[in-house]
Amino acid sequence: MSVWFVTGASRGLGAQITREALDRGHGVIATARDAAAVRRAYPQGRAGLLAVDADVTEPEQLTAAVEAGLERFGRIDVVANNAGYGLIGAIEEISDEAARALFDVNVFGVLNTLRATLPTLRAQRSGHVLNIGSVGGFATAPAAGLYGASKFALEGVSEALHGELAPLGVHVTIVEPGGFRTDFLSSSSMRVEPASIPDYVAGAGPVREALAENDGHQPGDPVKAARAIVDITEVAAPPLRLQLGADAVERVEAKLDLVRSELDRWRHVALSTGI
C-alpha cells in the first residue's frame, strides 16, 4: 500500500485521483478547503481515507495535514499537487489582484505543499511528486495567458525539482492534461475577467467563446485520466512529463514544431552573438 497526499481532493480531477487510489487499496490524505465535501463523497466511509481541511495558501494548515497523515499512516509516498483554478481574460484586462490570487494558489500553493511534504519524502529516500499542470503550461493561448503563466511556472519548478530529488530516490512528474470533462470550465473552477478592452475582441474573444461553449463537452474522460496518473506512480522509471488527451498531444507537437522551425530559421542570429 502506498500513501497519497492529494490537494484539491474534493472535486474534479483531485476527487477522481483520490477515488482511484482508494480503489487500489492505497491510503489517501485527502486535503481540501472543506474536507467535509470529501467525506460526503464516501457516506459509508473508506478505511484508507483521511480527509483533512487544508487551504494550500495557508502553510500551517498543510503542516497540520502532513502531521495528521503521518500519525495515521506513518509515511507519505505520493504527493499530488492538484489544487488550482483557471483565469480567463486578455493579459491587460486582468487585474493585479486577480493575477496575484491565481499565483497564490497555482504556484505558491504548490511551493507551500512541497515545503510541508518533502522533508518526509527526503527522509524516506523514496516517493513521487505529481504536479498537476496543464497543456496550457506548455503551449498557452490568447485569453488564457495568466493561467498558462502559472502552469509555465510549475513546469520550471518541476524540471528543477526533478534534478534536485533524483539523487534522493524521489521521482517528479508534471502532468499536462488537455480538456477533461470535469467542472474545471464552470464558475466553481474558472474565473473570468470582464472583456473590458474592445481592442482584444479579435485576439481573445474567440478563445473566451470556445471555453464557455466547451464546458461539459471536453473530450477527456477524468476516470481514465486518474487511472493513468495512478498508473505512472507504479512504474520503475516514470517520465518527467506526462501528456493526457489527444488534444494535449496535438498542442505539444505543434509547439515543438514551431520552436524547432523558428530555431532553425534564426539560428544564424543566435550563433552570431558569441564573443
C-alpha atoms as a PDB file:
ATOM      1  CA  MET A   1       0.000   0.000   0.000  1.00  0.00           C
ATOM      2  CA  SER A   2       1.177   3.499  -0.870  1.00  0.00           C
ATOM      3  CA  VAL A   3       0.047   6.617   0.955  1.00  0.00           C
ATOM      4  CA  TRP A   4      -1.085   9.572  -1.152  1.00  0.00           C
ATOM      5  CA  PHE A   5      -1.261  13.238  -0.161  1.00  0.00           C
ATOM      6  CA  VAL A   6      -3.726  14.962  -2.514  1.00  0.00           C
ATOM      7  CA  THR A   7      -4.579  18.666  -2.583  1.00  0.00           C
ATOM      8  CA  GLY A   8      -7.854  19.893  -4.024  1.00  0.00           C
ATOM      9  CA  ALA A   9      -9.351  16.456  -3.394  1.00  0.00           C
ATOM     10  CA  SER A  10     -12.991  17.470  -3.014  1.00  0.00           C
ATOM     11  CA  ARG A  11     -13.920  17.675  -6.709  1.00  0.00           C
ATOM     12  CA  GLY A  12     -12.719  17.431 -10.288  1.00  0.00           C
ATOM     13  CA  LEU A  13      -9.566  15.532 -11.101  1.00  0.00           C
ATOM     14  CA  GLY A  14      -8.457  15.573  -7.461  1.00  0.00           C
ATOM     15  CA  ALA A  15     -11.586  13.669  -6.434  1.00  0.00           C
ATOM     16  CA  GLN A  16     -11.045  11.134  -9.216  1.00  0.00           C
ATOM     17  CA  ILE A  17      -7.397  10.613  -8.228  1.00  0.00           C
ATOM     18  CA  THR A  18      -8.484  10.098  -4.628  1.00  0.00           C
ATOM     19  CA  ARG A  19     -11.114   7.544  -5.656  1.00  0.00           C
ATOM     20  CA  GLU A  20      -8.729   5.650  -7.952  1.00  0.00           C
ATOM     21  CA  ALA A  21      -6.031   5.447  -5.291  1.00  0.00           C
ATOM     22  CA  LEU A  22      -8.526   4.246  -2.685  1.00  0.00           C
ATOM     23  CA  ASP A  23      -9.953   1.658  -5.091  1.00  0.00           C
ATOM     24  CA  ARG A  24      -6.457   0.220  -5.477  1.00  0.00           C
ATOM     25  CA  GLY A  25      -6.084  -0.178  -1.741  1.00  0.00           C
ATOM     26  CA  HIS A  26      -3.873   2.846  -1.118  1.00  0.00           C
ATOM     27  CA  GLY A  27      -4.205   5.262   1.772  1.00  0.00           C
ATOM     28  CA  VAL A  28      -5.122   8.837   0.902  1.00  0.00           C
ATOM     29  CA  ILE A  29      -4.637  12.017   2.913  1.00  0.00           C
ATOM     30  CA  ALA A  30      -7.265  13.984   1.007  1.00  0.00           C
ATOM     31  CA  THR A  31      -6.996  17.717   1.615  1.00  0.00           C
ATOM     32  CA  ALA A  32      -9.393  20.460   0.610  1.00  0.00           C
ATOM     33  CA  ARG A  33     -10.516  23.823   1.896  1.00  0.00           C
ATOM     34  CA  ASP A  34     -13.656  21.979   3.021  1.00  0.00           C
ATOM     35  CA  ALA A  35     -12.769  18.373   3.838  1.00  0.00           C
ATOM     36  CA  ALA A  36     -16.422  17.685   4.637  1.00  0.00           C
ATOM     37  CA  ALA A  37     -17.014  17.643   0.869  1.00  0.00           C
ATOM     38  CA  VAL A  38     -14.549  14.762   0.584  1.00  0.00           C
ATOM     39  CA  ARG A  39     -16.242  12.851   3.392  1.00  0.00           C
ATOM     40  CA  ARG A  40     -19.673  13.353   1.802  1.00  0.00           C
ATOM     41  CA  ALA A  41     -18.430  11.502  -1.280  1.00  0.00           C
ATOM     42  CA  TYR A  42     -17.939   8.401   0.909  1.00  0.00           C
ATOM     43  CA  PRO A  43     -21.011   8.281   3.197  1.00  0.00           C
ATOM     44  CA  GLN A  44     -20.174   4.730   4.279  1.00  0.00           C
ATOM     45  CA  GLY A  45     -16.568   5.711   4.956  1.00  0.00           C
ATOM     46  CA  ARG A  46     -13.384   4.275   3.488  1.00  0.00           C
ATOM     47  CA  ALA A  47     -10.725   2.593   5.608  1.00  0.00           C
ATOM     48  CA  GLY A  48      -7.875   4.217   3.722  1.00  0.00           C
ATOM     49  CA  LEU A  49      -9.277   7.754   3.636  1.00  0.00           C
ATOM     50  CA  LEU A  50      -8.195  10.613   5.882  1.00  0.00           C
ATOM     51  CA  ALA A  51      -9.944  13.850   4.891  1.00  0.00           C
ATOM     52  CA  VAL A  52      -8.275  16.970   6.268  1.00  0.00           C
ATOM     53  CA  ASP A  53      -9.066  20.675   5.966  1.00  0.00           C
ATOM     54  CA  ALA A  54      -6.129  22.403   4.288  1.00  0.00           C
ATOM     55  CA  ASP A  55      -6.056  25.544   2.173  1.00  0.00           C
ATOM     56  CA  VAL A  56      -2.839  25.468   0.113  1.00  0.00           C
ATOM     57  CA  THR A  57      -2.358  29.187   0.718  1.00  0.00           C
ATOM     58  CA  GLU A  58      -2.104  28.506   4.473  1.00  0.00           C
ATOM     59  CA  PRO A  59       1.232  26.752   5.244  1.00  0.00           C
ATOM     60  CA  GLU A  60       0.305  25.947   8.839  1.00  0.00           C
ATOM     61  CA  GLN A  61      -2.778  24.042   7.669  1.00  0.00           C
ATOM     62  CA  LEU A  62      -0.642  21.969   5.298  1.00  0.00           C
ATOM     63  CA  THR A  63       1.829  21.214   8.079  1.00  0.00           C
ATOM     64  CA  ALA A  64      -1.026  20.061  10.292  1.00  0.00           C
ATOM     65  CA  ALA A  65      -2.395  17.883   7.479  1.00  0.00           C
ATOM     66  CA  VAL A  66       1.001  16.227   6.996  1.00  0.00           C
ATOM     67  CA  GLU A  67       1.299  15.609  10.745  1.00  0.00           C
ATOM     68  CA  ALA A  68      -2.187  14.084  10.840  1.00  0.00           C
ATOM     69  CA  GLY A  69      -1.338  11.887   7.868  1.00  0.00           C
ATOM     70  CA  LEU A  70       1.903  10.662   9.381  1.00  0.00           C
ATOM     71  CA  GLU A  71       0.156   9.921  12.653  1.00  0.00           C
ATOM     72  CA  ARG A  72      -2.446   7.851  10.775  1.00  0.00           C
ATOM     73  CA  PHE A  73      -0.285   6.119   8.141  1.00  0.00           C
ATOM     74  CA  GLY A  74       3.339   6.598   9.217  1.00  0.00           C
ATOM     75  CA  ARG A  75       4.555   7.663   5.760  1.00  0.00           C
ATOM     76  CA  ILE A  76       3.737   9.584   2.567  1.00  0.00           C
ATOM     77  CA  ASP A  77       4.658   8.055  -0.782  1.00  0.00           C
ATOM     78  CA  VAL A  78       2.953  10.217  -3.407  1.00  0.00           C
ATOM     79  CA  VAL A  79       2.271  13.962  -3.298  1.00  0.00           C
ATOM     80  CA  ALA A  80      -0.326  15.048  -5.871  1.00  0.00           C
ATOM     81  CA  ASN A  81      -0.338  18.841  -6.204  1.00  0.00           C
ATOM     82  CA  ASN A  82      -3.752  19.193  -7.786  1.00  0.00           C
ATOM     83  CA  ALA A  83      -5.329  22.282  -6.169  1.00  0.00           C
ATOM     84  CA  GLY A  84      -5.719  25.138  -8.613  1.00  0.00           C
ATOM     85  CA  TYR A  85      -8.140  27.080 -10.778  1.00  0.00           C
ATOM     86  CA  GLY A  86      -8.348  28.854 -14.122  1.00  0.00           C
ATOM     87  CA  LEU A  87      -8.473  32.505 -15.088  1.00  0.00           C
ATOM     88  CA  ILE A  88      -9.684  33.885 -18.411  1.00  0.00           C
ATOM     89  CA  GLY A  89      -9.007  37.314 -19.852  1.00  0.00           C
ATOM     90  CA  ALA A  90      -6.543  39.181 -22.030  1.00  0.00           C
ATOM     91  CA  ILE A  91      -3.307  39.987 -20.225  1.00  0.00           C
ATOM     92  CA  GLU A  92      -4.043  43.704 -19.988  1.00  0.00           C
ATOM     93  CA  GLU A  93      -7.619  43.082 -18.843  1.00  0.00           C
ATOM     94  CA  ILE A  94      -6.668  41.006 -15.811  1.00  0.00           C
ATOM     95  CA  SER A  95      -6.315  42.985 -12.601  1.00  0.00           C
ATOM     96  CA  ASP A  96      -3.257  42.784 -10.389  1.00  0.00           C
ATOM     97  CA  GLU A  97      -5.451  41.408  -7.611  1.00  0.00           C
ATOM     98  CA  ALA A  98      -6.764  38.580  -9.801  1.00  0.00           C
ATOM     99  CA  ALA A  99      -3.300  37.705 -11.108  1.00  0.00           C
ATOM    100  CA  ARG A 100      -1.756  37.577  -7.636  1.00  0.00           C
ATOM    101  CA  ALA A 101      -4.626  35.500  -6.249  1.00  0.00           C
ATOM    102  CA  LEU A 102      -4.161  32.998  -9.085  1.00  0.00           C
ATOM    103  CA  PHE A 103      -0.426  32.640  -8.449  1.00  0.00           C
ATOM    104  CA  ASP A 104      -1.039  32.355  -4.699  1.00  0.00           C
ATOM    105  CA  VAL A 105      -2.934  29.114  -5.335  1.00  0.00           C
ATOM    106  CA  ASN A 106      -1.462  27.687  -8.549  1.00  0.00           C
ATOM    107  CA  VAL A 107       2.209  28.422  -7.815  1.00  0.00           C
ATOM    108  CA  PHE A 108       2.794  29.414  -4.193  1.00  0.00           C
ATOM    109  CA  GLY A 109       0.247  26.838  -3.048  1.00  0.00           C
ATOM    110  CA  VAL A 110       2.358  24.142  -4.689  1.00  0.00           C
ATOM    111  CA  LEU A 111       5.510  25.516  -3.058  1.00  0.00           C
ATOM    112  CA  ASN A 112       3.758  25.530   0.328  1.00  0.00           C
ATOM    113  CA  THR A 113       2.715  21.902  -0.177  1.00  0.00           C
ATOM    114  CA  LEU A 114       6.216  20.880  -1.214  1.00  0.00           C
ATOM    115  CA  ARG A 115       7.765  22.520   1.852  1.00  0.00           C
ATOM    116  CA  ALA A 116       5.310  20.613   4.050  1.00  0.00           C
ATOM    117  CA  THR A 117       5.729  17.190   2.423  1.00  0.00           C
ATOM    118  CA  LEU A 118       9.273  16.959   1.023  1.00  0.00           C
ATOM    119  CA  PRO A 119      11.010  16.538   4.394  1.00  0.00           C
ATOM    120  CA  THR A 120       9.143  13.229   4.750  1.00  0.00           C
ATOM    121  CA  LEU A 121       9.980  12.028   1.235  1.00  0.00           C
ATOM    122  CA  ARG A 122      13.636  13.040   1.625  1.00  0.00           C
ATOM    123  CA  ALA A 123      13.912  11.218   4.944  1.00  0.00           C
ATOM    124  CA  GLN A 124      12.411   8.098   3.376  1.00  0.00           C
ATOM    125  CA  ARG A 125      14.692   8.401   0.318  1.00  0.00           C
ATOM    126  CA  SER A 126      11.661   7.441  -1.763  1.00  0.00           C
ATOM    127  CA  GLY A 127       8.448   8.877  -3.133  1.00  0.00           C
ATOM    128  CA  HIS A 128       6.872  10.573  -6.128  1.00  0.00           C
ATOM    129  CA  VAL A 129       5.789  14.174  -6.617  1.00  0.00           C
ATOM    130  CA  LEU A 130       2.979  14.658  -9.137  1.00  0.00           C
ATOM    131  CA  ASN A 131       2.460  18.264 -10.148  1.00  0.00           C
ATOM    132  CA  ILE A 132      -0.844  18.550 -11.985  1.00  0.00           C
ATOM    133  CA  GLY A 133      -0.146  21.170 -14.597  1.00  0.00           C
ATOM    134  CA  SER A 134      -1.841  21.692 -17.946  1.00  0.00           C
ATOM    135  CA  VAL A 135      -1.059  21.509 -21.621  1.00  0.00           C
ATOM    136  CA  GLY A 136      -1.624  25.268 -21.293  1.00  0.00           C
ATOM    137  CA  GLY A 137       1.595  25.343 -19.291  1.00  0.00           C
ATOM    138  CA  PHE A 138       3.476  24.108 -22.353  1.00  0.00           C
ATOM    139  CA  ALA A 139       1.582  25.924 -25.102  1.00  0.00           C
ATOM    140  CA  THR A 140      -0.758  28.678 -23.989  1.00  0.00           C
ATOM    141  CA  ALA A 141      -3.313  30.723 -25.922  1.00  0.00           C
ATOM    142  CA  PRO A 142      -4.880  34.205 -26.035  1.00  0.00           C
ATOM    143  CA  ALA A 143      -7.222  34.851 -23.089  1.00  0.00           C
ATOM    144  CA  ALA A 144      -5.507  32.082 -21.099  1.00  0.00           C
ATOM    145  CA  GLY A 145      -2.139  33.758 -20.698  1.00  0.00           C
ATOM    146  CA  LEU A 146      -2.112  34.294 -16.929  1.00  0.00           C
ATOM    147  CA  TYR A 147      -3.406  30.792 -16.243  1.00  0.00           C
ATOM    148  CA  GLY A 148      -0.813  29.476 -18.686  1.00  0.00           C
ATOM    149  CA  ALA A 149       1.875  31.530 -16.959  1.00  0.00           C
ATOM    150  CA  SER A 150       1.035  29.927 -13.613  1.00  0.00           C
ATOM    151  CA  LYS A 151       1.375  26.491 -15.192  1.00  0.00           C
ATOM    152  CA  PHE A 152       4.560  27.507 -17.055  1.00  0.00           C
ATOM    153  CA  ALA A 153       5.948  28.337 -13.606  1.00  0.00           C
ATOM    154  CA  LEU A 154       5.007  24.854 -12.457  1.00  0.00           C
ATOM    155  CA  GLU A 155       6.924  23.414 -15.416  1.00  0.00           C
ATOM    156  CA  GLY A 156      10.063  25.238 -14.279  1.00  0.00           C
ATOM    157  CA  VAL A 157       9.617  24.164 -10.674  1.00  0.00           C
ATOM    158  CA  SER A 158       9.133  20.563 -11.758  1.00  0.00           C
ATOM    159  CA  GLU A 159      12.189  20.467 -14.027  1.00  0.00           C
ATOM    160  CA  ALA A 160      14.450  21.797 -11.292  1.00  0.00           C
ATOM    161  CA  LEU A 161      12.862  19.642  -8.598  1.00  0.00           C
ATOM    162  CA  HIS A 162      13.389  16.570 -10.772  1.00  0.00           C
ATOM    163  CA  GLY A 163      17.146  17.166 -10.747  1.00  0.00           C
ATOM    164  CA  GLU A 164      17.247  18.008  -7.060  1.00  0.00           C
ATOM    165  CA  LEU A 165      15.291  14.984  -5.849  1.00  0.00           C
ATOM    166  CA  ALA A 166      16.505  12.278  -8.247  1.00  0.00           C
ATOM    167  CA  PRO A 167      19.703  11.615  -6.225  1.00  0.00           C
ATOM    168  CA  LEU A 168      17.475  11.087  -3.170  1.00  0.00           C
ATOM    169  CA  GLY A 169      15.307   8.444  -4.812  1.00  0.00           C
ATOM    170  CA  VAL A 170      12.279  10.711  -5.246  1.00  0.00           C
ATOM    171  CA  HIS A 171      10.583  10.944  -8.665  1.00  0.00           C
ATOM    172  CA  VAL A 172       8.925  14.057 -10.108  1.00  0.00           C
ATOM    173  CA  THR A 173       6.313  14.098 -12.879  1.00  0.00           C
ATOM    174  CA  ILE A 174       4.397  17.051 -14.231  1.00  0.00           C
ATOM    175  CA  VAL A 175       1.065  16.021 -15.727  1.00  0.00           C
ATOM    176  CA  GLU A 176      -0.146  18.052 -18.722  1.00  0.00           C
ATOM    177  CA  PRO A 177      -3.854  17.334 -19.257  1.00  0.00           C
ATOM    178  CA  GLY A 178      -5.859  18.672 -22.150  1.00  0.00           C
ATOM    179  CA  GLY A 179      -9.598  19.162 -21.784  1.00  0.00           C
ATOM    180  CA  PHE A 180     -11.264  16.715 -19.406  1.00  0.00           C
ATOM    181  CA  ARG A 181     -14.956  16.577 -18.558  1.00  0.00           C
ATOM    182  CA  THR A 182     -14.784  17.860 -15.004  1.00  0.00           C
ATOM    183  CA  ASP A 183     -16.191  21.095 -13.588  1.00  0.00           C
ATOM    184  CA  PHE A 184     -12.971  22.961 -14.462  1.00  0.00           C
ATOM    185  CA  LEU A 185     -14.658  25.259 -17.004  1.00  0.00           C
ATOM    186  CA  SER A 186     -17.568  26.012 -14.679  1.00  0.00           C
ATOM    187  CA  SER A 187     -17.713  29.032 -12.390  1.00  0.00           C
ATOM    188  CA  SER A 188     -16.550  26.875  -9.477  1.00  0.00           C
ATOM    189  CA  SER A 189     -13.088  26.446 -11.036  1.00  0.00           C
ATOM    190  CA  MET A 190     -12.787  29.121 -13.716  1.00  0.00           C
ATOM    191  CA  ARG A 191     -12.752  32.842 -13.031  1.00  0.00           C
ATOM    192  CA  VAL A 192     -13.453  35.191 -15.924  1.00  0.00           C
ATOM    193  CA  GLU A 193     -12.327  38.797 -16.051  1.00  0.00           C
ATOM    194  CA  PRO A 194     -14.696  41.134 -17.956  1.00  0.00           C
ATOM    195  CA  ALA A 195     -13.876  41.819 -21.590  1.00  0.00           C
ATOM    196  CA  SER A 196     -13.203  45.474 -20.828  1.00  0.00           C
ATOM    197  CA  ILE A 197     -10.922  46.479 -23.731  1.00  0.00           C
ATOM    198  CA  PRO A 198     -12.575  46.343 -27.192  1.00  0.00           C
ATOM    199  CA  ASP A 199      -9.214  46.066 -28.969  1.00  0.00           C
ATOM    200  CA  TYR A 200      -8.877  42.491 -27.646  1.00  0.00           C
ATOM    201  CA  VAL A 201     -12.173  41.204 -29.025  1.00  0.00           C
ATOM    202  CA  ALA A 202     -10.437  39.785 -32.107  1.00  0.00           C
ATOM    203  CA  GLY A 203      -7.495  38.224 -30.270  1.00  0.00           C
ATOM    204  CA  ALA A 204      -9.038  36.948 -27.056  1.00  0.00           C
ATOM    205  CA  GLY A 205     -12.734  36.833 -27.902  1.00  0.00           C
ATOM    206  CA  PRO A 206     -12.772  33.536 -29.849  1.00  0.00           C
ATOM    207  CA  VAL A 207     -10.986  31.719 -27.018  1.00  0.00           C
ATOM    208  CA  ARG A 208     -13.394  33.156 -24.444  1.00  0.00           C
ATOM    209  CA  GLU A 209     -16.328  31.894 -26.512  1.00  0.00           C
ATOM    210  CA  ALA A 210     -14.801  28.481 -27.178  1.00  0.00           C
ATOM    211  CA  LEU A 211     -14.080  27.860 -23.489  1.00  0.00           C
ATOM    212  CA  ALA A 212     -17.612  28.855 -22.497  1.00  0.00           C
ATOM    213  CA  GLU A 213     -19.136  26.594 -25.160  1.00  0.00           C
ATOM    214  CA  ASN A 214     -16.844  23.672 -24.306  1.00  0.00           C
ATOM    215  CA  ASP A 215     -17.966  23.316 -20.680  1.00  0.00           C
ATOM    216  CA  GLY A 216     -19.424  19.833 -20.367  1.00  0.00           C
ATOM    217  CA  HIS A 217     -18.209  18.826 -23.815  1.00  0.00           C
ATOM    218  CA  GLN A 218     -14.499  18.281 -23.140  1.00  0.00           C
ATOM    219  CA  PRO A 219     -13.141  15.189 -24.922  1.00  0.00           C
ATOM    220  CA  GLY A 220     -11.236  13.673 -21.999  1.00  0.00           C
ATOM    221  CA  ASP A 221     -12.565  11.105 -19.511  1.00  0.00           C
ATOM    222  CA  PRO A 222     -11.444  12.097 -15.966  1.00  0.00           C
ATOM    223  CA  VAL A 223     -11.789   8.495 -14.732  1.00  0.00           C
ATOM    224  CA  LYS A 224      -9.284   7.347 -17.360  1.00  0.00           C
ATOM    225  CA  ALA A 225      -7.038  10.327 -16.547  1.00  0.00           C
ATOM    226  CA  ALA A 226      -6.973   9.381 -12.861  1.00  0.00           C
ATOM    227  CA  ARG A 227      -6.200   5.792 -13.811  1.00  0.00           C
ATOM    228  CA  ALA A 228      -3.258   6.918 -15.956  1.00  0.00           C
ATOM    229  CA  ILE A 229      -1.964   9.194 -13.179  1.00  0.00           C
ATOM    230  CA  VAL A 230      -2.028   6.434 -10.574  1.00  0.00           C
ATOM    231  CA  ASP A 231      -0.501   4.010 -13.106  1.00  0.00           C
ATOM    232  CA  ILE A 232       2.507   6.284 -13.617  1.00  0.00           C
ATOM    233  CA  THR A 233       3.417   6.013  -9.929  1.00  0.00           C
ATOM    234  CA  GLU A 234       3.703   2.239 -10.264  1.00  0.00           C
ATOM    235  CA  VAL A 235       6.421   2.132 -12.957  1.00  0.00           C
ATOM    236  CA  ALA A 236      10.132   1.963 -12.225  1.00  0.00           C
ATOM    237  CA  ALA A 237      11.132   4.925 -14.409  1.00  0.00           C
ATOM    238  CA  PRO A 238       8.273   7.453 -14.631  1.00  0.00           C
ATOM    239  CA  PRO A 239       8.530  10.347 -17.119  1.00  0.00           C
ATOM    240  CA  LEU A 240       9.221  13.949 -16.203  1.00  0.00           C
ATOM    241  CA  ARG A 241       6.223  14.957 -18.350  1.00  0.00           C
ATOM    242  CA  LEU A 242       3.009  13.061 -18.980  1.00  0.00           C
ATOM    243  CA  GLN A 243       0.552  14.455 -21.533  1.00  0.00           C
ATOM    244  CA  LEU A 244      -3.076  13.331 -21.203  1.00  0.00           C
ATOM    245  CA  GLY A 245      -5.556  13.526 -24.072  1.00  0.00           C
ATOM    246  CA  ALA A 246      -5.266  13.647 -27.848  1.00  0.00           C
ATOM    247  CA  ASP A 247      -5.730  17.424 -27.741  1.00  0.00           C
ATOM    248  CA  ALA A 248      -2.749  17.742 -25.390  1.00  0.00           C
ATOM    249  CA  VAL A 249      -0.586  15.622 -27.690  1.00  0.00           C
ATOM    250  CA  GLU A 250      -1.565  17.759 -30.698  1.00  0.00           C
ATOM    251  CA  ARG A 251      -0.775  21.040 -28.930  1.00  0.00           C
ATOM    252  CA  VAL A 252       2.585  19.807 -27.650  1.00  0.00           C
ATOM    253  CA  GLU A 253       3.563  18.528 -31.080  1.00  0.00           C
ATOM    254  CA  ALA A 254       2.560  21.834 -32.703  1.00  0.00           C
ATOM    255  CA  LYS A 255       4.605  23.798 -30.157  1.00  0.00           C
ATOM    256  CA  LEU A 256       7.663  21.587 -30.669  1.00  0.00           C
ATOM    257  CA  ASP A 257       7.358  22.011 -34.441  1.00  0.00           C
ATOM    258  CA  LEU A 258       7.088  25.798 -34.072  1.00  0.00           C
ATOM    259  CA  VAL A 259      10.086  26.068 -31.739  1.00  0.00           C
ATOM    260  CA  ARG A 260      12.198  23.867 -34.000  1.00  0.00           C
ATOM    261  CA  SER A 261      11.176  25.835 -37.091  1.00  0.00           C
ATOM    262  CA  GLU A 262      11.985  29.213 -35.547  1.00  0.00           C
ATOM    263  CA  LEU A 263      15.230  27.926 -34.051  1.00  0.00           C
ATOM    264  CA  ASP A 264      16.362  26.743 -37.473  1.00  0.00           C
ATOM    265  CA  ARG A 265      15.237  29.959 -39.199  1.00  0.00           C
ATOM    266  CA  TRP A 266      17.028  32.240 -36.752  1.00  0.00           C
ATOM    267  CA  ARG A 267      19.936  30.014 -35.807  1.00  0.00           C
ATOM    268  CA  HIS A 268      22.365  32.248 -37.681  1.00  0.00           C
ATOM    269  CA  VAL A 269      21.393  35.196 -35.498  1.00  0.00           C
ATOM    270  CA  ALA A 270      21.677  33.165 -32.300  1.00  0.00           C
ATOM    271  CA  LEU A 271      25.145  31.919 -33.262  1.00  0.00           C
ATOM    272  CA  SER A 272      26.345  35.361 -34.366  1.00  0.00           C
ATOM    273  CA  THR A 273      26.372  36.793 -30.842  1.00  0.00           C
ATOM    274  CA  GLY A 274      29.398  34.994 -29.389  1.00  0.00           C
ATOM    275  CA  ILE A 275      32.489  36.946 -28.324  1.00  0.00           C
END
